């Protein structure tokens, strides 16, 4: 009973305490739970424990009768470098600031199986991105009229999923499962736009609203700065709620080989709304702030299709391979943001062309059981780059494509275990030559290290 109370308390805590994290499949994390993460983000066709509800809910039917609980979390440290290719100046992410990390992603889940039926509920950080640059970097200086604004560029986005999952063992070989996810997305943004960027957005019909003439009429306008932040190490100033879900199946081809398939639906989350400040930057009048409300429109997680295979070569050695098709193209063509002034009711609307494209993702994982109590794991994870160079924003680089992973599992007793994982994302650089997403030509380089640990208990 005491263990159940601890798990329940952890579940409640995770609902209200969530940090952000950098991702490597666009905004998505490479796996859920240290078992999956250590094995290259795989999990479509084998038992990764309660975290299976985040990859393929049908795998929950592979768990033994009884109840299983899992509580843990990830910590991610990133190194981002934005280089001005015209001047050679560099903006690093390792400056001070609440949006800069390290980033924490809690996870907790509870699953019960009885006969052919399995039910579960959990809370997982599912996607995120974030960074912050110093106020004296070249990113805080306008190109037009060369104005040092002292305004920070930053971002932090987190998507938290609360899946309610079910699985059913149809036959001895076939299991099916699904989940309905409550989805919460929050965001902080600090973004300086040079006048040249504003002009390009207008020319591309990506800028509109009754506030535009007022903004463009400011003498020697150098740029505009949009800022919304909750000034905290967690969450975001703009947020929205919605739903998502997935359907999956596993099929036991032979005693040692299993196939898995799952389809995750595009999320349906409300527009992210919150308090914001829009600042006009003038070379003669300085910074002119307006207080209002921000609305980030139709910011959704993509649909994805996953197929996997799991094979046991022996009682000690097993291998998993997953393939994913991520449908970013229908979810992230643009980032659309609106601002409405509190005093006048005037508004401005901007649409940034991120032009994300559908990607292929491959994960490979190996597990070897050294002793009955200890197993080691390793893996490889590769994802296509989702955005072309001209879609890159300095505050949302998310460029790594290649990860190596490792970890293991230590049985603490007959019914409990400690799982852990470590991943390294190799540095990847992407260039963007100019407006509208950047004023100066930039090269964004991003690498990261992430660790994951979780405690599992069977009741």
Protein backbone atom coordinates (compact mmCIF):
# COMPACT_ATOMS: atom_id res chain seq x y z
CA UNK A 1 0.00 0.00 0.00
CA UNK A 2 2.82 2.38 0.84
CA UNK A 3 4.41 1.83 -2.58
CA UNK A 4 1.08 2.54 -4.29
CA UNK A 5 0.75 5.81 -2.38
CA UNK A 6 4.25 6.86 -3.42
CA UNK A 7 3.45 6.16 -7.08
CA UNK A 8 0.15 8.02 -6.87
CA UNK A 9 1.89 11.01 -5.28
CA UNK A 10 4.49 10.97 -8.04
CA UNK A 11 1.75 10.94 -10.65
CA UNK A 12 0.12 14.03 -9.17
CA UNK A 13 3.49 15.78 -8.89
CA UNK A 14 4.27 15.14 -12.55
CA UNK A 15 0.97 16.71 -13.60
CA UNK A 16 1.96 20.04 -12.10
CA UNK A 17 5.75 20.02 -12.24
CA UNK A 18 7.30 19.72 -15.67
CA UNK A 19 10.41 21.19 -17.21
CA UNK A 20 11.25 21.43 -20.87
CA UNK A 21 13.78 19.56 -22.92
CA UNK A 22 15.48 19.61 -26.27
CA UNK A 23 14.34 17.03 -28.77
CA UNK A 24 16.07 15.35 -31.68
CA UNK A 25 13.14 14.23 -33.90
CA UNK A 26 11.96 17.77 -34.58
CA UNK A 27 10.39 18.52 -31.20
CA UNK A 28 9.80 14.88 -30.21
CA UNK A 29 11.93 12.86 -27.79
CA UNK A 30 13.73 9.79 -29.10
CA UNK A 31 12.05 7.39 -26.66
CA UNK A 32 10.02 7.10 -23.46
CA UNK A 33 11.39 5.45 -20.36
CA UNK A 34 15.05 4.41 -20.00
CA UNK A 35 14.48 0.95 -21.51
CA UNK A 36 13.34 2.42 -24.82
CA UNK A 37 15.84 5.28 -24.74
CA UNK A 38 18.81 2.97 -24.09
CA UNK A 39 17.75 0.82 -27.05
CA UNK A 40 17.71 3.60 -29.63
CA UNK A 41 14.15 4.82 -28.96
CA UNK A 42 12.60 1.50 -29.99
CA UNK A 43 9.52 -0.02 -28.33
CA UNK A 44 6.90 -0.93 -30.95
CA UNK A 45 7.29 -4.69 -30.60
CA UNK A 46 8.56 -5.54 -27.11
CA UNK A 47 7.82 -4.94 -23.45
CA UNK A 48 9.37 -1.68 -22.24
CA UNK A 49 7.15 -1.58 -19.15
CA UNK A 50 4.44 1.00 -18.38
CA UNK A 51 6.12 3.51 -20.73
CA UNK A 52 4.86 1.33 -23.58
CA UNK A 53 1.64 3.36 -23.50
CA UNK A 54 3.63 6.21 -25.11
CA UNK A 55 4.97 4.14 -28.03
CA UNK A 56 2.63 1.17 -28.63
CA UNK A 57 -0.14 0.57 -26.07
CA UNK A 58 -0.52 -3.01 -27.34
CA UNK A 59 2.81 -3.88 -25.69
CA UNK A 60 1.12 -3.45 -22.29
CA UNK A 61 -0.48 -6.86 -22.95
CA UNK A 62 3.02 -8.37 -22.81
CA UNK A 63 3.31 -7.54 -19.11
CA UNK A 64 2.54 -10.23 -16.49
CA UNK A 65 -0.70 -10.34 -14.52
CA UNK A 66 -0.81 -7.85 -11.68
CA UNK A 67 0.05 -4.17 -11.45
CA UNK A 68 3.22 -2.35 -12.49
CA UNK A 69 4.26 1.15 -11.54
CA UNK A 70 7.07 3.29 -12.91
CA UNK A 71 8.40 6.66 -11.77
CA UNK A 72 11.44 8.49 -13.04
CA UNK A 73 12.63 11.28 -15.28
CA UNK A 74 15.10 12.59 -17.82
CA UNK A 75 17.65 15.38 -17.63
CA UNK A 76 18.96 17.01 -20.80
CA UNK A 77 21.92 19.35 -21.25
CA UNK A 78 22.38 20.97 -24.63
CA UNK A 79 25.06 22.95 -26.39
CA UNK A 80 23.79 25.35 -29.04
CA UNK A 81 25.93 27.71 -31.06
CA UNK A 82 24.57 30.27 -33.52
CA UNK A 83 27.28 31.76 -35.74
CA UNK A 84 26.84 34.90 -37.81
CA UNK A 85 28.47 33.73 -41.04
CA UNK A 86 28.93 37.33 -42.22
CA UNK A 87 30.81 38.63 -39.16
CA UNK A 88 32.00 35.45 -37.42
CA UNK A 89 30.23 36.40 -34.17
CA UNK A 90 28.88 33.52 -32.10
CA UNK A 91 25.91 33.33 -29.71
CA UNK A 92 26.09 30.45 -27.23
CA UNK A 93 23.20 28.89 -25.34
CA UNK A 94 25.27 28.43 -22.19
CA UNK A 95 24.37 31.84 -20.79
CA UNK A 96 22.32 32.49 -17.69
CA UNK A 97 18.53 32.37 -17.79
CA UNK A 98 15.52 30.33 -16.69
CA UNK A 99 14.85 29.09 -20.23
CA UNK A 100 18.35 27.73 -20.77
CA UNK A 101 18.25 24.45 -18.82
CA UNK A 102 19.36 21.92 -17.91
CA UNK A 103 15.91 20.59 -18.72
CA UNK A 104 13.93 18.05 -16.72
CA UNK A 105 11.26 15.71 -18.07
CA UNK A 106 9.38 13.70 -15.42
CA UNK A 107 7.52 10.48 -16.16
CA UNK A 108 5.18 8.30 -14.13
CA UNK A 109 2.79 5.50 -15.05
CA UNK A 110 0.66 2.77 -13.48
CA UNK A 111 -0.63 -0.31 -15.32
CA UNK A 112 -2.73 -3.31 -14.24
CA UNK A 113 -3.32 -6.52 -16.17
CA UNK A 114 -5.87 -9.23 -15.44
CA UNK A 115 -6.15 -12.08 -17.93
CA UNK A 116 -6.57 -10.70 -21.44
CA UNK A 117 -7.25 -7.11 -20.30
CA UNK A 118 -4.73 -4.38 -19.41
CA UNK A 119 -5.48 -0.82 -18.31
CA UNK A 120 -3.05 2.00 -17.57
CA UNK A 121 -2.60 5.71 -16.96
CA UNK A 122 0.52 7.86 -17.00
CA UNK A 123 2.06 11.28 -17.40
CA UNK A 124 5.01 11.87 -19.72
CA UNK A 125 6.85 14.86 -21.17
CA UNK A 126 6.45 14.00 -24.85
CA UNK A 127 8.13 16.81 -26.78
CA UNK A 128 10.03 20.01 -26.17
CA UNK A 129 12.59 22.51 -27.29
CA UNK A 130 14.29 25.44 -25.60
CA UNK A 131 17.27 27.75 -25.45
CA UNK A 132 18.33 31.21 -24.28
CA UNK A 133 21.05 33.55 -25.51
CA UNK A 134 22.78 36.45 -23.79
CA UNK A 135 21.32 39.95 -24.15
CA UNK A 136 24.60 41.24 -25.60
CA UNK A 137 24.87 38.68 -28.42
CA UNK A 138 24.50 39.65 -32.08
CA UNK A 139 20.99 38.14 -31.97
CA UNK A 140 19.96 41.09 -29.76
CA UNK A 141 21.32 43.67 -32.22
CA UNK A 142 19.29 44.87 -35.17
CA UNK A 143 20.85 45.01 -38.63
CA UNK A 144 18.67 47.97 -39.61
CA UNK A 145 20.05 51.11 -37.89
CA UNK A 146 22.43 48.83 -35.91
CA UNK A 147 20.68 49.07 -32.55
CA UNK A 148 21.82 47.14 -29.45
CA UNK A 149 18.46 46.39 -27.86
CA UNK A 150 19.53 44.48 -24.73
CA UNK A 151 16.56 42.17 -25.35
CA UNK A 152 17.09 38.43 -24.89
CA UNK A 153 16.23 35.84 -27.51
CA UNK A 154 14.91 32.61 -26.01
CA UNK A 155 12.32 29.85 -26.25
CA UNK A 156 10.92 27.04 -24.17
CA UNK A 157 8.19 24.64 -25.28
CA UNK A 158 6.89 21.56 -23.51
CA UNK A 159 4.20 19.07 -24.48
CA UNK A 160 2.92 16.92 -21.63
CA UNK A 161 0.78 13.87 -22.37
CA UNK A 162 -1.49 12.08 -19.91
CA UNK A 163 -2.43 8.82 -21.68
CA UNK A 164 -5.29 6.60 -20.56
CA UNK A 165 -4.45 3.27 -22.17
CA UNK A 166 -5.97 -0.16 -22.74
CA UNK A 167 -4.73 -3.40 -24.33
CA UNK A 168 -6.47 -6.67 -25.15
CA UNK A 169 -4.92 -10.08 -25.88
CA UNK A 170 -7.07 -11.19 -28.82
CA UNK A 171 -5.33 -14.54 -29.35
CA UNK A 172 -2.15 -16.13 -28.06
CA UNK A 173 -0.33 -14.35 -30.90
CA UNK A 174 -2.24 -11.12 -31.45
CA UNK A 175 -2.66 -8.17 -29.04
CA UNK A 176 -4.23 -4.79 -29.73
CA UNK A 177 -4.17 -1.57 -27.76
CA UNK A 178 -4.92 2.12 -27.78
CA UNK A 179 -4.68 5.27 -25.73
CA UNK A 180 -6.55 8.53 -25.43
CA UNK A 181 -4.15 11.25 -24.38
CA UNK A 182 -4.89 14.52 -22.65
CA UNK A 183 -2.31 16.92 -24.12
CA UNK A 184 -1.00 20.13 -22.54
CA UNK A 185 1.39 22.43 -24.42
CA UNK A 186 3.08 25.49 -22.90
CA UNK A 187 5.50 27.97 -24.40
CA UNK A 188 7.82 30.91 -23.62
CA UNK A 189 9.26 33.05 -26.42
CA UNK A 190 11.52 36.08 -26.69
CA UNK A 191 12.15 36.95 -30.35
CA UNK A 192 13.68 40.06 -31.90
CA UNK A 193 12.70 40.73 -35.52
CA UNK A 194 14.72 43.17 -37.57
CA UNK A 195 12.85 45.61 -39.82
CA UNK A 196 14.19 43.69 -42.83
CA UNK A 197 12.49 40.56 -41.53
CA UNK A 198 9.23 42.45 -40.96
CA UNK A 199 9.44 43.78 -44.52
CA UNK A 200 10.01 40.32 -45.95
CA UNK A 201 7.06 38.91 -43.97
CA UNK A 202 4.88 41.72 -45.33
CA UNK A 203 6.04 41.11 -48.90
CA UNK A 204 5.22 37.42 -48.52
CA UNK A 205 1.76 38.32 -47.13
CA UNK A 206 2.72 36.83 -43.79
CA UNK A 207 2.09 40.04 -41.84
CA UNK A 208 -1.31 41.61 -41.22
CA UNK A 209 -3.41 43.42 -38.64
CA UNK A 210 -4.58 46.89 -37.60
CA UNK A 211 -1.43 47.47 -35.55
CA UNK A 212 0.87 47.21 -38.58
CA UNK A 213 0.52 50.85 -39.81
CA UNK A 214 1.23 52.16 -36.30
CA UNK A 215 4.30 49.95 -35.98
CA UNK A 216 5.69 50.86 -39.39
CA UNK A 217 5.05 54.57 -38.73
CA UNK A 218 7.49 54.74 -35.80
CA UNK A 219 10.51 56.95 -36.71
CA UNK A 220 13.65 54.97 -37.63
CA UNK A 221 12.08 51.67 -36.74
CA UNK A 222 14.83 49.11 -36.20
CA UNK A 223 12.73 46.09 -35.28
CA UNK A 224 10.06 44.53 -33.13
CA UNK A 225 10.37 42.25 -30.12
CA UNK A 226 7.75 39.73 -29.03
CA UNK A 227 8.08 38.49 -25.47
CA UNK A 228 5.95 36.16 -23.38
CA UNK A 229 7.44 34.29 -20.43
CA UNK A 230 6.33 33.12 -17.01
CA UNK A 231 9.74 33.95 -15.45
CA UNK A 232 9.95 30.45 -14.01
CA UNK A 233 12.13 27.38 -14.55
CA UNK A 234 9.05 25.37 -15.55
CA UNK A 235 5.99 25.75 -17.79
CA UNK A 236 5.24 28.64 -20.12
CA UNK A 237 3.30 31.91 -20.33
CA UNK A 238 1.16 30.73 -23.26
CA UNK A 239 -0.60 27.40 -22.94
CA UNK A 240 -3.36 25.25 -24.37
CA UNK A 241 -5.09 21.90 -23.78
CA UNK A 242 -6.30 19.23 -26.17
CA UNK A 243 -6.26 15.56 -27.03
CA UNK A 244 -4.22 12.99 -28.94
CA UNK A 245 -4.11 9.25 -29.17
CA UNK A 246 -2.73 6.12 -30.78
CA UNK A 247 -3.77 2.64 -31.90
CA UNK A 248 -1.41 -0.31 -32.11
CA UNK A 249 -0.99 -4.07 -32.30
CA UNK A 250 1.65 -6.74 -31.74
CA UNK A 251 1.87 -10.16 -33.40
CA UNK A 252 3.96 -13.09 -32.17
CA UNK A 253 5.40 -14.55 -35.37
CA UNK A 254 7.31 -17.28 -33.55
CA UNK A 255 8.45 -18.05 -30.03
CA UNK A 256 11.34 -15.60 -30.34
CA UNK A 257 10.09 -13.07 -32.93
CA UNK A 258 7.40 -10.41 -32.56
CA UNK A 259 6.14 -7.64 -34.83
CA UNK A 260 4.59 -4.35 -33.74
CA UNK A 261 2.68 -1.63 -35.54
CA UNK A 262 1.16 1.63 -34.26
CA UNK A 263 -0.38 4.84 -35.59
CA UNK A 264 -0.28 8.02 -33.49
CA UNK A 265 -2.79 10.69 -34.45
CA UNK A 266 -2.00 14.36 -34.96
CA UNK A 267 -2.84 16.25 -31.79
CA UNK A 268 -5.80 18.58 -31.48
CA UNK A 269 -4.70 21.27 -29.03
CA UNK A 270 -6.33 24.67 -28.61
CA UNK A 271 -4.42 27.83 -29.54
CA UNK A 272 -1.78 28.70 -26.94
CA UNK A 273 -2.76 31.94 -25.21
CA UNK A 274 -1.32 34.14 -22.50
CA UNK A 275 -0.05 37.59 -21.54
CA UNK A 276 2.60 39.14 -23.77
CA UNK A 277 4.55 42.28 -24.55
CA UNK A 278 5.26 43.63 -28.04
CA UNK A 279 8.13 46.14 -28.12
CA UNK A 280 8.83 48.46 -31.03
CA UNK A 281 12.56 49.23 -31.26
CA UNK A 282 13.37 52.72 -32.56
CA UNK A 283 16.87 54.05 -33.21
CA UNK A 284 15.74 57.48 -31.91
CA UNK A 285 12.95 56.75 -29.41
CA UNK A 286 14.36 53.56 -27.87
CA UNK A 287 12.18 50.62 -26.87
CA UNK A 288 8.40 51.24 -26.90
CA UNK A 289 6.50 48.39 -25.18
CA UNK A 290 2.83 47.47 -25.61
CA UNK A 291 1.06 45.09 -23.24
CA UNK A 292 -1.41 42.57 -24.62
CA UNK A 293 -2.35 38.97 -25.29
CA UNK A 294 -0.53 36.49 -27.48
CA UNK A 295 -2.06 33.63 -29.45
CA UNK A 296 0.05 30.87 -31.02
CA UNK A 297 -2.31 29.27 -33.52
CA UNK A 298 -2.70 25.59 -34.36
CA UNK A 299 0.58 24.43 -32.81
CA UNK A 300 0.20 20.65 -33.09
CA UNK A 301 2.21 17.48 -32.69
CA UNK A 302 2.45 15.44 -35.90
CA UNK A 303 0.85 12.11 -36.75
CA UNK A 304 3.28 9.23 -37.01
CA UNK A 305 3.36 5.64 -38.17
CA UNK A 306 5.68 3.12 -36.51
CA UNK A 307 6.52 -0.48 -37.36
CA UNK A 308 8.95 -2.60 -35.40
CA UNK A 309 10.38 -6.07 -34.96
CA UNK A 310 11.83 -7.72 -31.87
CA UNK A 311 13.89 -10.92 -31.95
CA UNK A 312 15.50 -12.98 -29.19
CA UNK A 313 18.61 -14.75 -30.43
CA UNK A 314 18.89 -16.47 -27.08
CA UNK A 315 17.72 -16.10 -23.48
CA UNK A 316 20.46 -13.49 -23.09
CA UNK A 317 20.63 -11.61 -26.40
CA UNK A 318 17.77 -9.70 -28.07
CA UNK A 319 17.50 -7.04 -30.78
CA UNK A 320 14.80 -4.48 -31.65
CA UNK A 321 14.44 -2.40 -34.83
CA UNK A 322 11.80 0.33 -35.32
CA UNK A 323 10.95 2.44 -38.36
CA UNK A 324 8.87 5.61 -38.09
CA UNK A 325 7.36 7.95 -40.61
CA UNK A 326 6.79 11.36 -39.03
CA UNK A 327 4.18 13.50 -40.79
CA UNK A 328 5.64 16.90 -39.92
CA UNK A 329 4.56 18.39 -43.24
CA UNK A 330 0.90 18.61 -42.26
CA UNK A 331 1.62 19.86 -38.72
CA UNK A 332 4.45 22.38 -38.91
CA UNK A 333 4.48 24.24 -42.22
CA UNK A 334 4.25 27.55 -40.38
CA UNK A 335 4.38 28.98 -36.88
CA UNK A 336 1.52 31.49 -36.69
CA UNK A 337 1.50 34.09 -33.89
CA UNK A 338 -0.96 36.87 -33.12
CA UNK A 339 -0.78 39.80 -30.66
CA UNK A 340 -3.66 42.02 -29.47
CA UNK A 341 -2.98 45.29 -27.65
CA UNK A 342 -4.82 45.57 -24.32
CA UNK A 343 -5.36 49.33 -24.56
CA UNK A 344 -6.49 49.82 -28.16
CA UNK A 345 -7.58 46.36 -29.24
CA UNK A 346 -5.36 46.69 -32.32
CA UNK A 347 -3.70 43.50 -33.47
CA UNK A 348 -0.82 42.11 -35.49
CA UNK A 349 -0.46 38.64 -37.00
CA UNK A 350 2.73 36.96 -38.20
CA UNK A 351 3.35 33.63 -39.87
CA UNK A 352 6.89 32.22 -39.93
CA UNK A 353 7.65 29.69 -42.71
CA UNK A 354 9.27 26.74 -40.94
CA UNK A 355 8.36 24.38 -43.83
CA UNK A 356 8.82 21.17 -41.85
CA UNK A 357 8.75 18.09 -44.06
CA UNK A 358 7.85 14.45 -43.42
CA UNK A 359 10.79 12.47 -42.09
CA UNK A 360 12.02 8.90 -41.74
CA UNK A 361 13.29 7.70 -38.37
CA UNK A 362 15.16 4.48 -37.62
CA UNK A 363 16.04 3.06 -34.21
CA UNK A 364 18.10 -0.04 -33.43
CA UNK A 365 18.56 -1.50 -29.96
CA UNK A 366 20.40 -4.46 -28.43
CA UNK A 367 20.04 -6.00 -24.97
CA UNK A 368 22.38 -8.52 -23.42
CA UNK A 369 21.69 -10.09 -20.03
CA UNK A 370 25.01 -10.45 -18.23
CA UNK A 371 23.48 -12.06 -15.14
CA UNK A 372 19.91 -12.85 -14.04
CA UNK A 373 19.88 -9.50 -12.24
CA UNK A 374 21.75 -7.22 -14.63
CA UNK A 375 21.27 -6.41 -18.34
CA UNK A 376 23.12 -3.95 -20.55
CA UNK A 377 21.59 -2.11 -23.51
CA UNK A 378 22.85 -0.10 -26.43
CA UNK A 379 21.41 1.50 -29.54
CA UNK A 380 21.48 3.87 -32.47
CA UNK A 381 18.87 6.41 -33.51
CA UNK A 382 18.71 8.37 -36.76
CA UNK A 383 16.10 10.88 -37.95
CA UNK A 384 15.98 12.96 -41.12
CA UNK A 385 16.38 16.70 -40.62
CA UNK A 386 12.76 17.98 -40.55
CA UNK A 387 13.33 21.55 -41.68
CA UNK A 388 15.30 22.99 -44.60
CA UNK A 389 17.88 25.64 -43.74
CA UNK A 390 15.66 28.60 -44.63
CA UNK A 391 13.12 27.40 -42.04
CA UNK A 392 15.56 27.50 -39.11
CA UNK A 393 14.95 29.98 -36.29
CA UNK A 394 17.82 30.64 -33.88
CA UNK A 395 15.49 30.08 -30.93
CA UNK A 396 14.18 26.75 -32.34
CA UNK A 397 17.20 24.97 -33.87
CA UNK A 398 16.36 21.30 -33.08
CA UNK A 399 18.94 20.14 -35.62
CA UNK A 400 20.58 16.87 -34.35
CA UNK A 401 19.78 13.78 -36.39
CA UNK A 402 22.10 11.07 -35.05
CA UNK A 403 22.21 9.62 -31.52
CA UNK A 404 24.05 6.79 -29.82
CA UNK A 405 22.41 5.35 -26.73
CA UNK A 406 23.27 3.03 -23.87
CA UNK A 407 22.11 1.90 -20.47
CA UNK A 408 20.99 -1.05 -18.46
CA UNK A 409 18.68 -2.58 -15.87
CA UNK A 410 19.44 -3.72 -12.33
CA UNK A 411 16.98 -6.01 -10.56
CA UNK A 412 16.70 -4.76 -6.98
CA UNK A 413 14.59 -7.73 -5.98
CA UNK A 414 12.12 -10.22 -7.35
CA UNK A 415 9.56 -7.54 -8.23
CA UNK A 416 11.50 -4.29 -8.65
CA UNK A 417 14.20 -2.89 -10.91
CA UNK A 418 16.13 0.27 -11.65
CA UNK A 419 16.52 1.20 -15.33
CA UNK A 420 18.88 3.85 -16.66
CA UNK A 421 19.97 5.28 -20.00
CA UNK A 422 22.37 7.79 -21.50
CA UNK A 423 22.23 9.32 -24.98
CA UNK A 424 24.55 11.53 -26.99
CA UNK A 425 23.36 13.57 -29.97
CA UNK A 426 26.21 14.31 -32.37
CA UNK A 427 26.66 17.98 -33.38
CA UNK A 428 24.70 18.95 -36.48
CA UNK A 429 24.85 22.28 -38.31
CA UNK A 430 22.18 23.89 -40.47
CA UNK A 431 22.49 27.27 -42.23
CA UNK A 432 19.93 29.96 -42.96
CA UNK A 433 21.01 32.76 -45.28
CA UNK A 434 18.49 35.47 -44.47
CA UNK A 435 14.94 36.79 -43.91
CA UNK A 436 12.29 36.22 -42.88
CA UNK A 437 13.44 33.84 -40.10
CA UNK A 438 16.77 35.57 -39.53
CA UNK A 439 18.15 39.03 -40.26
CA UNK A 440 21.81 37.98 -40.51
CA UNK A 441 23.01 34.78 -42.23
CA UNK A 442 23.46 32.16 -39.53
CA UNK A 443 24.76 28.66 -38.97
CA UNK A 444 23.07 26.80 -36.10
CA UNK A 445 25.00 23.95 -34.44
CA UNK A 446 23.36 21.78 -31.79
CA UNK A 447 24.53 18.80 -29.73
CA UNK A 448 23.30 17.35 -26.44
CA UNK A 449 23.64 14.74 -23.73
CA UNK A 450 20.61 13.26 -21.96
CA UNK A 451 20.23 10.84 -19.05
CA UNK A 452 17.16 8.89 -17.96
CA UNK A 453 16.41 6.85 -14.84
CA UNK A 454 13.28 5.08 -13.61
CA UNK A 455 12.21 2.78 -10.82
CA UNK A 456 9.76 -0.04 -11.68
CA UNK A 457 7.75 -2.09 -9.20
CA UNK A 458 5.46 -5.09 -9.81
CA UNK A 459 2.61 -5.68 -7.33
